[in-house]
């Protein structure tokens, strides 16, 4: 597994880099710095392209040198790519990697059609995607996992429980559902998730919560005081369905680091 972080010198990029450095260092995983020269964002003449490539090369070299001096034991690599930013980052990542990107805080945007870069990447990528806002989370503790369906609950809690255990922090399982009038809430996804956490991390402190609010609002409200939110994936099938409205709204309004769980990597039969 590698931590791949997209960098461009911006504040969101710096936040993503800091998060990726901490996580890669914690588990001794390779850290890959990737800069994409966006040759599809508009017309680019040969002179401008050459200049953009040189700027990207210098950024990667400077960042890699700095990290090497500060963290000599960290395996830091660098890659310069050209093309569409979301497509190149998605294509570069392997299914067992974690792709880390920064995001600008945008404010509540329910119903927005056009997504941000992080939404595009999460929709296309099969690996786990970490979306890091420029928010100070140094004094926050705890991991929250959004539980949706039984078919994805186990995969989500495996990632969330591992993160909580690595941090030595509490895990909160949140199942947000609005039952139809006259029906009973199906607690099976939440109970299955709770049982799985107890099975794989018996020493972990875990809370199970249910909310009848809209899922995105409930998740963002709890995540506001947490160090990490784990959600997704939208589908675990061979052909992934389009990104759901919950993931879309959470990413556009991220108030904590968000992990969108990738499609589980299955061993060949």
Protein backbone atom coordinates (compact mmCIF):
# COMPACT_ATOMS: atom_id res chain seq x y z
CA UNK A 1 0.00 0.00 0.00
CA UNK A 2 1.15 3.51 -0.84
CA UNK A 3 -0.05 6.92 0.23
CA UNK A 4 -0.34 8.98 -2.94
CA UNK A 5 -0.81 12.71 -2.43
CA UNK A 6 -1.61 15.23 -5.14
CA UNK A 7 0.37 18.45 -4.63
CA UNK A 8 0.25 21.82 -6.38
CA UNK A 9 1.59 24.24 -3.77
CA UNK A 10 -1.83 25.46 -2.63
CA UNK A 11 -3.08 25.57 0.98
CA UNK A 12 -5.43 22.57 0.50
CA UNK A 13 -2.53 20.68 -1.09
CA UNK A 14 -0.32 21.47 1.91
CA UNK A 15 -3.03 20.18 4.27
CA UNK A 16 -3.30 16.96 2.26
CA UNK A 17 0.47 16.54 2.29
CA UNK A 18 0.71 17.01 6.06
CA UNK A 19 -2.02 14.41 6.63
CA UNK A 20 -0.44 11.91 4.23
CA UNK A 21 3.02 12.35 5.78
CA UNK A 22 1.66 11.57 9.24
CA UNK A 23 -0.25 8.50 8.09
CA UNK A 24 2.55 7.09 5.90
CA UNK A 25 5.08 7.62 8.67
CA UNK A 26 2.85 5.94 11.24
CA UNK A 27 2.68 2.66 9.33
CA UNK A 28 5.99 2.92 7.39
CA UNK A 29 4.23 3.05 4.01
CA UNK A 30 5.74 4.67 0.91
CA UNK A 31 4.65 8.25 0.26
CA UNK A 32 4.30 9.22 -3.39
CA UNK A 33 4.15 12.91 -4.27
CA UNK A 34 2.26 13.46 -7.52
CA UNK A 35 1.95 16.69 -9.47
CA UNK A 36 -0.26 16.75 -12.55
CA UNK A 37 0.37 19.31 -15.27
CA UNK A 38 -3.18 20.00 -16.42
CA UNK A 39 -2.87 19.90 -20.20
CA UNK A 40 -6.64 19.53 -20.60
CA UNK A 41 -7.72 22.59 -18.64
CA UNK A 42 -7.49 24.79 -21.71
CA UNK A 43 -5.26 25.51 -24.65
CA UNK A 44 -1.58 25.13 -23.78
CA UNK A 45 1.16 26.19 -26.18
CA UNK A 46 4.56 24.48 -26.19
CA UNK A 47 6.25 27.28 -24.23
CA UNK A 48 3.59 27.35 -21.51
CA UNK A 49 3.61 23.55 -21.29
CA UNK A 50 7.38 23.47 -20.87
CA UNK A 51 7.16 26.13 -18.15
CA UNK A 52 4.37 24.27 -16.34
CA UNK A 53 6.36 21.05 -16.42
CA UNK A 54 9.43 22.81 -15.03
CA UNK A 55 7.40 24.40 -12.22
CA UNK A 56 5.93 21.01 -11.34
CA UNK A 57 9.35 19.36 -11.41
CA UNK A 58 10.78 21.99 -9.07
CA UNK A 59 7.83 21.66 -6.69
CA UNK A 60 8.28 17.90 -6.48
CA UNK A 61 12.05 18.16 -6.05
CA UNK A 62 11.78 20.83 -3.34
CA UNK A 63 9.08 18.94 -1.43
CA UNK A 64 10.89 15.62 -1.64
CA UNK A 65 14.18 17.18 -0.50
CA UNK A 66 12.49 18.92 2.44
CA UNK A 67 10.74 15.78 3.59
CA UNK A 68 13.93 13.77 3.20
CA UNK A 69 15.75 16.17 5.51
CA UNK A 70 12.93 16.28 8.08
CA UNK A 71 12.00 12.58 7.97
CA UNK A 72 14.99 10.58 6.71
CA UNK A 73 13.33 7.22 7.42
CA UNK A 74 10.25 8.01 5.31
CA UNK A 75 10.22 6.44 1.84
CA UNK A 76 9.34 9.46 -0.33
CA UNK A 77 8.92 9.16 -4.08
CA UNK A 78 7.83 11.66 -6.73
CA UNK A 79 5.91 11.44 -10.00
CA UNK A 80 5.16 14.12 -12.61
CA UNK A 81 2.12 13.43 -14.79
CA UNK A 82 0.36 15.26 -17.62
CA UNK A 83 -3.32 15.35 -18.50
CA UNK A 84 -6.63 15.72 -16.70
CA UNK A 85 -5.94 16.03 -12.96
CA UNK A 86 -8.69 13.68 -11.65
CA UNK A 87 -8.16 11.15 -14.43
CA UNK A 88 -4.36 10.98 -14.05
CA UNK A 89 -4.50 10.70 -10.26
CA UNK A 90 -7.15 8.00 -10.49
CA UNK A 91 -5.25 6.06 -13.15
CA UNK A 92 -1.98 6.25 -11.20
CA UNK A 93 -3.43 4.74 -7.99
CA UNK A 94 -3.63 0.99 -7.41
CA UNK A 95 -6.68 -0.56 -5.71
CA UNK A 96 -4.83 -1.01 -2.39
CA UNK A 97 -3.42 2.55 -2.31
CA UNK A 98 -4.79 5.56 -0.45
CA UNK A 99 -5.13 8.62 -2.68
CA UNK A 100 -4.97 11.87 -0.70
CA UNK A 101 -6.25 15.20 -2.05
CA UNK A 102 -6.96 18.58 -0.51
CA UNK A 103 -10.20 20.49 -0.80
CA UNK A 104 -11.41 24.06 -0.41
CA UNK A 105 -14.25 24.49 2.09
CA UNK A 106 -17.28 25.50 0.03
CA UNK A 107 -20.20 25.85 2.42
CA UNK A 108 -23.50 24.01 2.27
CA UNK A 109 -24.47 23.17 -1.28
CA UNK A 110 -27.41 20.79 -1.24
CA UNK A 111 -28.45 19.86 -4.75
CA UNK A 112 -25.36 21.26 -6.45
CA UNK A 113 -24.82 19.54 -9.79
CA UNK A 114 -21.19 20.34 -10.52
CA UNK A 115 -18.81 18.58 -8.14
CA UNK A 116 -15.35 19.54 -6.98
CA UNK A 117 -12.14 17.74 -7.84
CA UNK A 118 -12.48 15.53 -4.76
CA UNK A 119 -15.97 14.45 -5.81
CA UNK A 120 -14.77 13.58 -9.32
CA UNK A 121 -11.90 11.51 -7.93
CA UNK A 122 -14.07 9.70 -5.37
CA UNK A 123 -16.57 8.84 -8.10
CA UNK A 124 -13.95 7.36 -10.42
CA UNK A 125 -11.39 5.79 -8.09
CA UNK A 126 -11.53 2.19 -6.88
CA UNK A 127 -9.00 2.78 -4.10
CA UNK A 128 -9.64 4.55 -0.81
CA UNK A 129 -9.65 8.34 -1.23
CA UNK A 130 -8.77 10.73 1.59
CA UNK A 131 -10.17 14.25 1.21
CA UNK A 132 -8.47 16.73 3.53
CA UNK A 133 -9.92 20.22 4.17
CA UNK A 134 -7.81 23.12 5.43
CA UNK A 135 -9.17 22.63 8.95
CA UNK A 136 -7.13 22.46 12.15
CA UNK A 137 -7.87 19.05 13.69
CA UNK A 138 -4.86 18.87 16.03
CA UNK A 139 -7.04 18.92 19.13
CA UNK A 140 -9.76 16.61 17.85
CA UNK A 141 -10.03 12.97 18.77
CA UNK A 142 -12.10 10.06 17.55
CA UNK A 143 -13.19 8.43 14.31
CA UNK A 144 -16.76 8.31 13.03
CA UNK A 145 -17.95 5.77 10.45
CA UNK A 146 -21.09 6.29 8.40
CA UNK A 147 -23.03 3.02 8.15
CA UNK A 148 -25.36 2.62 5.19
CA UNK A 149 -26.14 -0.88 3.91
CA UNK A 150 -25.28 -4.31 5.30
CA UNK A 151 -23.28 -5.12 2.16
CA UNK A 152 -20.82 -2.27 2.79
CA UNK A 153 -20.93 -2.04 6.60
CA UNK A 154 -18.22 -4.62 7.24
CA UNK A 155 -15.78 -3.04 4.80
CA UNK A 156 -16.33 0.46 6.19
CA UNK A 157 -15.87 -0.56 9.81
CA UNK A 158 -12.71 -2.51 9.03
CA UNK A 159 -11.12 0.68 7.73
CA UNK A 160 -12.57 2.88 10.47
CA UNK A 161 -11.67 0.47 13.28
CA UNK A 162 -8.10 0.18 12.02
CA UNK A 163 -7.80 3.97 11.94
CA UNK A 164 -9.23 4.31 15.45
CA UNK A 165 -6.98 1.57 16.82
CA UNK A 166 -3.87 3.08 15.21
CA UNK A 167 -4.72 6.41 16.84
CA UNK A 168 -5.74 4.88 20.17
CA UNK A 169 -9.07 6.69 19.94
CA UNK A 170 -12.78 5.96 20.17
CA UNK A 171 -14.87 4.83 17.20
CA UNK A 172 -18.43 6.06 16.64
CA UNK A 173 -20.73 4.16 14.27
CA UNK A 174 -23.49 6.34 12.86
CA UNK A 175 -26.49 5.03 10.95
CA UNK A 176 -28.66 7.85 9.60
CA UNK A 177 -31.97 6.81 8.11
CA UNK A 178 -35.40 8.38 7.72
CA UNK A 179 -37.97 5.59 8.01
CA UNK A 180 -41.13 5.82 5.96
CA UNK A 181 -44.26 6.59 7.95
CA UNK A 182 -45.56 3.53 9.74
CA UNK A 183 -42.36 1.50 9.26
CA UNK A 184 -39.68 0.36 11.69
CA UNK A 185 -36.05 1.36 11.23
CA UNK A 186 -33.88 -1.51 10.01
CA UNK A 187 -31.11 -1.79 12.60
CA UNK A 188 -29.36 -4.71 10.91
CA UNK A 189 -26.61 -2.66 9.20
CA UNK A 190 -25.71 -0.92 12.47
CA UNK A 191 -25.83 -4.11 14.53
CA UNK A 192 -23.77 -6.00 11.95
CA UNK A 193 -21.19 -3.21 11.97
CA UNK A 194 -21.03 -3.18 15.76
CA UNK A 195 -20.61 -6.95 15.95
CA UNK A 196 -17.82 -6.87 13.38
CA UNK A 197 -15.92 -4.18 15.29
CA UNK A 198 -16.10 -6.25 18.48
CA UNK A 199 -14.83 -9.27 16.53
CA UNK A 200 -11.81 -7.58 14.91
CA UNK A 201 -10.93 -4.98 17.57
CA UNK A 202 -12.29 -6.29 20.90
CA UNK A 203 -10.36 -3.71 22.95
CA UNK A 204 -11.62 -0.73 20.94
CA UNK A 205 -14.04 1.67 22.62
CA UNK A 206 -17.01 1.97 20.25
CA UNK A 207 -20.36 3.76 20.30
CA UNK A 208 -23.32 3.02 18.04
CA UNK A 209 -25.66 5.89 17.20
CA UNK A 210 -28.76 6.22 15.06
CA UNK A 211 -30.13 9.41 13.55
CA UNK A 212 -33.30 10.24 11.65
CA UNK A 213 -31.79 13.36 10.11
CA UNK A 214 -30.65 13.52 6.50
CA UNK A 215 -27.53 11.37 6.28
CA UNK A 216 -25.15 14.08 5.03
CA UNK A 217 -26.25 16.55 7.71
CA UNK A 218 -25.99 13.93 10.47
CA UNK A 219 -22.52 12.83 9.37
CA UNK A 220 -21.19 16.38 9.07
CA UNK A 221 -22.61 17.31 12.45
CA UNK A 222 -20.84 14.45 14.24
CA UNK A 223 -17.65 14.85 12.18
CA UNK A 224 -17.35 18.49 13.26
CA UNK A 225 -15.59 17.43 16.47
CA UNK A 226 -13.84 14.28 15.19
CA UNK A 227 -10.40 13.69 13.72
CA UNK A 228 -11.69 11.54 10.84
CA UNK A 229 -14.91 10.56 9.04
CA UNK A 230 -15.10 7.28 7.10
CA UNK A 231 -17.85 6.79 4.49
CA UNK A 232 -18.65 4.90 1.30
CA UNK A 233 -18.08 3.27 -1.06
CA UNK A 234 -21.13 3.96 -3.22
CA UNK A 235 -21.06 0.42 -4.58
CA UNK A 236 -18.91 -2.68 -4.20
CA UNK A 237 -19.89 -4.21 -7.52
CA UNK A 238 -17.61 -4.69 -10.51
CA UNK A 239 -19.25 -1.71 -12.17
CA UNK A 240 -19.54 1.07 -9.61
CA UNK A 241 -22.70 3.11 -9.55
CA UNK A 242 -22.52 6.91 -9.84
CA UNK A 243 -21.46 8.64 -6.65
CA UNK A 244 -24.35 9.03 -4.23
CA UNK A 245 -25.79 12.32 -3.03
CA UNK A 246 -24.58 11.68 0.54
CA UNK A 247 -20.92 11.31 -0.43
CA UNK A 248 -21.29 14.24 -2.83
CA UNK A 249 -22.62 16.60 -0.15
CA UNK A 250 -20.21 15.41 2.54
CA UNK A 251 -17.18 16.00 0.32
CA UNK A 252 -18.37 19.43 -0.79
CA UNK A 253 -18.85 20.44 2.84
CA UNK A 254 -16.08 18.48 4.55
CA UNK A 255 -15.35 19.83 8.04
CA UNK A 256 -12.90 17.06 8.94
CA UNK A 257 -10.65 14.68 7.00
CA UNK A 258 -12.85 12.22 5.09
CA UNK A 259 -11.94 8.71 3.98
CA UNK A 260 -14.10 7.37 1.17
CA UNK A 261 -13.59 3.63 1.44
CA UNK A 262 -12.46 2.01 -1.78
CA UNK A 263 -13.95 -1.09 -3.34
CA UNK A 264 -12.71 -4.13 -1.35
CA UNK A 265 -9.75 -5.85 -2.99
CA UNK A 266 -10.75 -9.49 -3.43
CA UNK A 267 -8.21 -12.26 -3.86
CA UNK A 268 -8.62 -14.41 -7.00
CA UNK A 269 -10.69 -17.55 -6.40
